[in-house]
């Protein structure tokens, strides 16, 4: 498999020549040191991949020639991660990890204990999307997770369809994984630093979210995300064979 991957959102099987954006060109040619005649896998984030040959290794406008297109079917397991915003670069790390793990949708949440303010939502969204793209490049995931607008937890719960959902819980009333009743399309809630409040847990439970434990220890947010997605993915695969 080629070592180079680049994001090309407007891939089309009718296109024989593809020009990368300045950002992707710089990343491919300068950062990754791809050279002319190297093979690069392009992906559009919607399941289309193209094996292409780098013809012009320009760091501002790399040009590639398409060799072979393919369509990658989306997994039948669809996980929406509804996660409270976390301060600093931790949330950026989490976004890359979720893309690597194949999450289908990210729902950022504002909760009672959230310590982050989103002042420029469009700029923040652009930055977050870039981290998701980087996660897809790293892992080979051809499907870019859908990033939805940040919402307050109560507003999200009022409007969301949560027929199948779980919440990573530090409470004592968690449900064993083997006893969960969930489908291939499931929402996973992860709380902020300091966890959800008791009233927020009550709201989640009223909407049908089943509390699950990630183990006997208190995990940092980024650790909890990886542990929860990994356990949920494994459970859904085993339960739906």
Protein backbone atom coordinates (compact mmCIF):
# COMPACT_ATOMS: atom_id res chain seq x y z
CA UNK A 1 0.00 0.00 0.00
CA UNK A 2 1.37 3.48 -0.85
CA UNK A 3 2.83 5.45 2.04
CA UNK A 4 1.21 8.73 0.98
CA UNK A 5 -2.42 9.77 1.50
CA UNK A 6 -3.98 13.12 0.63
CA UNK A 7 -7.44 14.61 1.01
CA UNK A 8 -9.12 15.63 -2.25
CA UNK A 9 -12.77 16.52 -1.57
CA UNK A 10 -13.84 16.83 -5.22
CA UNK A 11 -12.73 13.45 -6.56
CA UNK A 12 -14.64 12.25 -9.60
CA UNK A 13 -14.03 9.05 -11.63
CA UNK A 14 -14.25 11.14 -14.81
CA UNK A 15 -11.23 13.18 -13.71
CA UNK A 16 -7.85 12.03 -15.00
CA UNK A 17 -5.92 14.87 -13.38
CA UNK A 18 -6.28 16.12 -9.81
CA UNK A 19 -4.83 19.29 -8.30
CA UNK A 20 -4.45 19.42 -4.52
CA UNK A 21 -5.16 22.45 -2.37
CA UNK A 22 -2.18 24.52 -1.18
CA UNK A 23 -2.46 22.97 2.29
CA UNK A 24 -2.57 19.39 0.99
CA UNK A 25 0.17 20.12 -1.54
CA UNK A 26 2.47 21.46 1.17
CA UNK A 27 1.72 18.52 3.44
CA UNK A 28 2.39 15.98 0.69
CA UNK A 29 5.48 17.53 -0.90
CA UNK A 30 7.16 19.41 1.95
CA UNK A 31 6.12 17.55 5.10
CA UNK A 32 5.91 14.00 3.73
CA UNK A 33 8.56 14.56 1.02
CA UNK A 34 6.67 12.89 -1.79
CA UNK A 35 8.43 13.12 -5.15
CA UNK A 36 7.38 12.93 -8.78
CA UNK A 37 6.20 9.46 -9.87
CA UNK A 38 5.39 8.48 -6.27
CA UNK A 39 2.04 6.73 -5.79
CA UNK A 40 -0.46 8.59 -3.61
CA UNK A 41 -3.88 7.47 -2.37
CA UNK A 42 -6.38 10.30 -2.61
CA UNK A 43 -9.68 10.18 -0.71
CA UNK A 44 -12.69 12.47 -0.67
CA UNK A 45 -14.01 11.61 2.80
CA UNK A 46 -17.16 10.07 1.33
CA UNK A 47 -15.84 6.63 0.44
CA UNK A 48 -14.16 7.35 -2.90
CA UNK A 49 -10.43 6.63 -3.16
CA UNK A 50 -8.10 7.14 -6.08
CA UNK A 51 -4.67 5.65 -6.55
CA UNK A 52 -2.76 8.37 -8.35
CA UNK A 53 0.73 9.23 -9.54
CA UNK A 54 2.35 12.50 -8.49
CA UNK A 55 3.31 14.31 -11.70
CA UNK A 56 4.13 17.81 -10.49
CA UNK A 57 5.57 17.94 -6.96
CA UNK A 58 4.77 21.59 -6.36
CA UNK A 59 4.35 22.47 -2.71
CA UNK A 60 1.64 25.02 -3.56
CA UNK A 61 -0.23 23.09 -6.26
CA UNK A 62 0.64 19.43 -6.57
CA UNK A 63 -0.75 17.74 -9.68
CA UNK A 64 -1.53 14.01 -9.83
CA UNK A 65 -2.72 11.66 -12.56
CA UNK A 66 -5.45 9.18 -11.63
CA UNK A 67 -4.57 5.52 -12.10
CA UNK A 68 -7.47 3.70 -10.44
CA UNK A 69 -10.65 4.73 -8.63
CA UNK A 70 -12.52 2.63 -6.10
CA UNK A 71 -15.58 3.00 -3.89
CA UNK A 72 -15.31 1.81 -0.27
CA UNK A 73 -18.64 0.87 1.29
CA UNK A 74 -19.44 2.42 4.63
CA UNK A 75 -19.47 0.15 7.68
CA UNK A 76 -22.88 -0.98 8.87
CA UNK A 77 -21.77 0.04 12.38
CA UNK A 78 -22.46 3.74 12.87
CA UNK A 79 -21.27 5.41 16.08
CA UNK A 80 -22.12 9.02 16.90
CA UNK A 81 -19.82 10.44 19.56
CA UNK A 82 -21.64 13.10 21.59
CA UNK A 83 -18.82 14.60 23.62
CA UNK A 84 -18.49 17.58 25.92
CA UNK A 85 -15.97 20.16 24.75
CA UNK A 86 -12.61 19.91 26.51
CA UNK A 87 -10.14 22.75 26.91
CA UNK A 88 -6.71 22.95 25.34
CA UNK A 89 -5.38 20.66 22.61
CA UNK A 90 -6.94 17.57 24.15
CA UNK A 91 -10.08 17.95 22.05
CA UNK A 92 -7.95 18.13 18.89
CA UNK A 93 -6.29 14.86 19.86
CA UNK A 94 -9.67 13.28 20.51
CA UNK A 95 -10.92 14.29 17.06
CA UNK A 96 -7.94 12.65 15.35
CA UNK A 97 -8.44 9.50 17.41
CA UNK A 98 -12.14 9.27 16.61
CA UNK A 99 -11.41 9.47 12.88
CA UNK A 100 -8.78 6.75 13.26
CA UNK A 101 -11.31 4.55 15.07
CA UNK A 102 -14.00 4.99 12.42
CA UNK A 103 -16.63 7.05 14.25
CA UNK A 104 -19.29 8.24 11.81
CA UNK A 105 -20.41 11.47 13.50
CA UNK A 106 -19.08 13.92 16.12
CA UNK A 107 -21.52 16.00 18.18
CA UNK A 108 -19.69 18.58 20.35
CA UNK A 109 -21.64 19.44 23.50
CA UNK A 110 -21.77 22.25 26.02
CA UNK A 111 -22.54 20.88 29.49
CA UNK A 112 -22.84 22.37 32.97
CA UNK A 113 -19.16 21.72 33.67
CA UNK A 114 -17.83 22.64 30.24
CA UNK A 115 -15.03 25.21 30.57
CA UNK A 116 -14.70 26.04 26.87
CA UNK A 117 -16.27 28.92 24.98
CA UNK A 118 -16.67 28.73 21.20
CA UNK A 119 -16.20 32.35 20.07
CA UNK A 120 -15.57 31.85 16.35
CA UNK A 121 -17.53 28.77 15.40
CA UNK A 122 -16.63 28.77 11.69
CA UNK A 123 -12.89 29.03 12.37
CA UNK A 124 -13.11 26.42 15.11
CA UNK A 125 -15.06 24.09 12.83
CA UNK A 126 -12.45 24.46 10.08
CA UNK A 127 -9.67 23.65 12.54
CA UNK A 128 -11.54 20.63 13.93
CA UNK A 129 -12.27 19.32 10.44
CA UNK A 130 -8.56 19.42 9.64
CA UNK A 131 -7.84 17.23 12.67
CA UNK A 132 -10.45 14.74 11.45
CA UNK A 133 -8.79 14.69 8.02
CA UNK A 134 -5.41 14.03 9.65
CA UNK A 135 -6.93 11.11 11.54
CA UNK A 136 -8.27 9.67 8.29
CA UNK A 137 -4.88 10.05 6.64
CA UNK A 138 -3.15 8.31 9.53
CA UNK A 139 -5.51 5.35 9.68
CA UNK A 140 -6.52 4.88 6.05
CA UNK A 141 -10.16 5.55 6.91
CA UNK A 142 -11.83 6.76 3.67
CA UNK A 143 -14.89 8.15 5.49
CA UNK A 144 -14.58 11.56 7.11
CA UNK A 145 -16.75 11.77 10.25
CA UNK A 146 -19.66 14.20 10.03
CA UNK A 147 -18.96 17.14 12.36
CA UNK A 148 -22.17 18.77 13.58
CA UNK A 149 -22.69 22.17 15.14
CA UNK A 150 -21.90 22.52 18.85
CA UNK A 151 -25.06 22.30 20.96
CA UNK A 152 -26.07 22.47 24.60
CA UNK A 153 -26.69 19.03 26.08
CA UNK A 154 -30.33 19.73 26.96
CA UNK A 155 -31.06 21.17 23.50
CA UNK A 156 -29.44 18.17 21.85
CA UNK A 157 -31.39 15.71 23.99
CA UNK A 158 -34.64 17.48 23.18
CA UNK A 159 -34.21 17.13 19.42
CA UNK A 160 -32.07 14.00 18.94
CA UNK A 161 -33.29 10.52 18.08
CA UNK A 162 -31.71 8.37 20.80
CA UNK A 163 -33.37 5.00 20.36
CA UNK A 164 -29.94 3.42 20.84
CA UNK A 165 -27.48 5.22 23.12
CA UNK A 166 -24.99 4.67 25.92
CA UNK A 167 -23.16 6.99 28.31
CA UNK A 168 -19.71 6.28 29.74
CA UNK A 169 -20.46 6.53 33.44
CA UNK A 170 -18.63 6.87 36.75
CA UNK A 171 -21.86 6.11 38.59
CA UNK A 172 -22.56 2.82 40.39
CA UNK A 173 -25.67 1.90 38.38
CA UNK A 174 -23.91 1.00 35.13
CA UNK A 175 -25.17 -1.78 32.87
CA UNK A 176 -22.83 -4.68 32.01
CA UNK A 177 -21.86 -4.59 28.34
CA UNK A 178 -23.37 -8.03 27.75
CA UNK A 179 -26.78 -6.76 28.94
CA UNK A 180 -26.97 -3.71 26.69
CA UNK A 181 -29.84 -3.32 24.25
CA UNK A 182 -28.44 -1.27 21.37
CA UNK A 183 -28.39 -1.32 17.58
CA UNK A 184 -25.74 -1.00 14.88
CA UNK A 185 -26.38 2.76 14.92
CA UNK A 186 -25.63 4.03 18.44
CA UNK A 187 -24.86 7.33 20.15
CA UNK A 188 -22.05 7.33 22.71
CA UNK A 189 -21.98 10.12 25.34
CA UNK A 190 -18.71 11.19 26.95
CA UNK A 191 -18.81 13.84 29.67
CA UNK A 192 -16.50 16.77 30.42
CA UNK A 193 -13.63 16.95 32.86
CA UNK A 194 -15.42 16.42 36.15
CA UNK A 195 -18.08 14.25 34.47
CA UNK A 196 -21.75 14.95 33.86
CA UNK A 197 -23.76 16.34 36.78
CA UNK A 198 -26.41 14.26 38.50
CA UNK A 199 -29.16 16.21 36.75
CA UNK A 200 -27.51 15.62 33.38
CA UNK A 201 -27.31 11.90 34.09
CA UNK A 202 -31.03 12.01 34.91
CA UNK A 203 -31.76 13.72 31.57
CA UNK A 204 -29.69 11.15 29.69
CA UNK A 205 -31.43 8.27 31.43
CA UNK A 206 -34.86 9.74 30.65
CA UNK A 207 -33.92 9.73 26.95
CA UNK A 208 -32.94 6.07 27.21
CA UNK A 209 -29.15 6.34 27.40
CA UNK A 210 -27.78 3.24 29.14
CA UNK A 211 -24.92 3.84 31.56
CA UNK A 212 -21.82 1.69 31.00
CA UNK A 213 -18.58 1.43 32.95
CA UNK A 214 -15.16 1.67 31.30
CA UNK A 215 -13.44 -0.06 34.18
CA UNK A 216 -12.52 0.46 37.84
CA UNK A 217 -10.39 3.58 37.33
CA UNK A 218 -11.11 7.23 36.53
CA UNK A 219 -9.81 7.89 33.00
CA UNK A 220 -8.71 11.12 31.37
CA UNK A 221 -11.12 12.28 28.68
CA UNK A 222 -8.94 11.25 25.74
CA UNK A 223 -8.36 7.82 27.30
CA UNK A 224 -12.06 7.38 28.01
CA UNK A 225 -12.93 8.17 24.38
CA UNK A 226 -10.59 5.52 22.98
CA UNK A 227 -11.66 2.93 25.56
CA UNK A 228 -15.37 3.59 25.05
CA UNK A 229 -15.29 3.57 21.24
CA UNK A 230 -13.13 0.44 21.19
CA UNK A 231 -15.38 -1.44 23.61
CA UNK A 232 -18.56 -0.30 21.87
CA UNK A 233 -17.24 -1.21 18.42
CA UNK A 234 -16.19 -4.64 19.62
CA UNK A 235 -19.55 -5.23 21.29
CA UNK A 236 -21.49 -4.21 18.16
CA UNK A 237 -19.36 -6.42 15.91
CA UNK A 238 -19.80 -9.44 18.14
CA UNK A 239 -23.50 -8.76 18.71
CA UNK A 240 -24.30 -8.35 15.02
CA UNK A 241 -22.38 -11.21 13.42
